Every structure is written in C-alpha cells, then in structure tokens.
C-alpha cells in the first residue's frame, strides 16, 4: 500500500499525528509506504509521476513497513526532526 498524506501545517511537528496515521493506515501484516506533506500543492500527482526537488524538500516524513523483513521505519525530514543517522548539519564538513 502506498499513500500520500496531507496533514495540517500546524501539526507537522506533532509526532503523534504521524504515529496515529501509521496505526490507522498500515495493518501489521501489509507492506506499507506512507509519505507526509503539509502543503497540498507539494504533493505529487501520483506514484507514477516523478517527484520534483521542491516536492521532495517539502515532504515531512516517510514511513516504510515490510512485514516479511520486519522493517518498520519512520524517517522525518531534517527540518522537522534532526536525526544524525539521516541528517547532516549544514556546517559539517566531511
């Protein structure tokens, strides 16, 4: 299952909104892929359309669930929640 989800802008940093959507939309026995945005104009037309850089940057989070492998991962965009496993600070040098 793939879903493009619009959440209210005022709730984009309310992590329980994402968790509630995951519980409602992703039964434990199904493969699930959720994408979250807070701006309707940034949501791609569908899964077959290519996502622009602007759409990618506007995406708030992505959730992947694969019951066959046990993967269940919610990754927030770095502007919503900084996670050093996925984000790099702009002043960091490699």
Protein backbone atom coordinates (compact mmCIF):
# COMPACT_ATOMS: atom_id res chain seq x y z
CA UNK A 1 0.00 0.00 0.00
CA UNK A 2 1.27 3.45 -0.93
CA UNK A 3 -0.37 6.60 0.43
CA UNK A 4 0.28 10.31 0.01
CA UNK A 5 -0.92 12.03 3.19
CA UNK A 6 -1.76 15.67 3.87
CA UNK A 7 -1.51 16.80 7.49
CA UNK A 8 -2.30 20.25 8.88
CA UNK A 9 0.65 22.66 8.78
CA UNK A 10 0.10 23.48 12.46
CA UNK A 11 0.63 19.80 13.35
CA UNK A 12 3.70 19.00 11.25
CA UNK A 13 5.91 18.75 14.38
CA UNK A 14 3.32 16.82 16.37
CA UNK A 15 4.82 13.35 16.10
CA UNK A 16 1.68 11.63 17.37
CA UNK A 17 -0.09 12.70 14.13
CA UNK A 18 2.32 10.54 12.12
CA UNK A 19 2.08 7.62 14.55
CA UNK A 20 -1.73 7.77 14.52
CA UNK A 21 -1.76 7.70 10.71
CA UNK A 22 0.58 4.72 10.69
CA UNK A 23 -1.63 2.81 13.14
CA UNK A 24 -4.79 3.61 11.15
CA UNK A 25 -3.42 3.01 7.66
CA UNK A 26 -0.83 0.24 7.98
CA UNK A 27 -2.06 -3.12 9.25
CA UNK A 28 0.88 -5.08 10.69
CA UNK A 29 0.63 -7.79 8.01
CA UNK A 30 0.80 -5.44 4.98
CA UNK A 31 3.66 -3.78 3.14
CA UNK A 32 3.11 -0.07 3.63
CA UNK A 33 4.75 3.08 2.29
CA UNK A 34 3.45 6.45 3.54
CA UNK A 35 4.56 9.95 2.54
CA UNK A 36 3.54 13.04 4.53
CA UNK A 37 3.17 16.68 3.43
CA UNK A 38 1.56 19.77 4.97
CA UNK A 39 1.10 21.66 1.67
CA UNK A 40 -1.37 20.27 -0.84
CA UNK A 41 0.46 21.93 -3.76
CA UNK A 42 3.62 19.96 -2.92
CA UNK A 43 2.04 16.53 -3.12
CA UNK A 44 2.91 14.72 -6.38
CA UNK A 45 0.07 13.86 -8.75
CA UNK A 46 0.60 10.17 -8.02
CA UNK A 47 3.14 7.45 -7.56
CA UNK A 48 3.84 7.18 -11.25
CA UNK A 49 4.78 10.85 -11.55
CA UNK A 50 8.34 11.88 -10.82
CA UNK A 51 8.80 13.93 -7.66
CA UNK A 52 10.46 17.31 -8.15
CA UNK A 53 13.19 18.59 -5.85
CA UNK A 54 10.70 21.07 -4.37
CA UNK A 55 8.22 18.27 -3.64
CA UNK A 56 10.94 16.15 -2.10
CA UNK A 57 12.09 19.03 0.11
CA UNK A 58 8.51 19.75 1.20
CA UNK A 59 7.90 16.14 2.26
CA UNK A 60 7.74 15.96 6.04
CA UNK A 61 8.31 12.26 6.63
CA UNK A 62 8.28 8.81 5.09
CA UNK A 63 7.21 5.55 6.70
CA UNK A 64 8.21 2.13 5.38
CA UNK A 65 6.84 -1.15 6.70
CA UNK A 66 7.72 -4.57 5.34
CA UNK A 67 6.32 -7.43 7.44
CA UNK A 68 8.43 -10.02 5.57
CA UNK A 69 11.70 -8.40 6.65
CA UNK A 70 10.48 -6.79 9.87
CA UNK A 71 11.39 -3.30 8.68
CA UNK A 72 9.32 -0.55 10.27
CA UNK A 73 10.94 2.84 9.85
CA UNK A 74 9.62 6.38 10.18
CA UNK A 75 12.08 8.97 8.86
CA UNK A 76 11.36 12.66 9.34
CA UNK A 77 12.66 15.36 7.04
CA UNK A 78 15.62 17.04 8.74
CA UNK A 79 13.76 20.35 9.10
CA UNK A 80 11.06 18.58 11.14
CA UNK A 81 13.25 16.44 13.38
CA UNK A 82 17.03 16.28 13.30
CA UNK A 83 18.29 12.70 13.33
CA UNK A 84 22.08 12.31 12.99
CA UNK A 85 21.55 8.96 11.24
CA UNK A 86 19.87 10.71 8.31
CA UNK A 87 20.71 14.41 8.56
CA UNK A 88 23.89 16.40 8.35
CA UNK A 89 24.30 19.84 9.82
CA UNK A 90 24.96 22.46 7.13
CA UNK A 91 28.26 23.41 8.77
CA UNK A 92 29.52 19.85 8.99
CA UNK A 93 32.46 19.02 6.76
CA UNK A 94 33.20 15.50 5.51
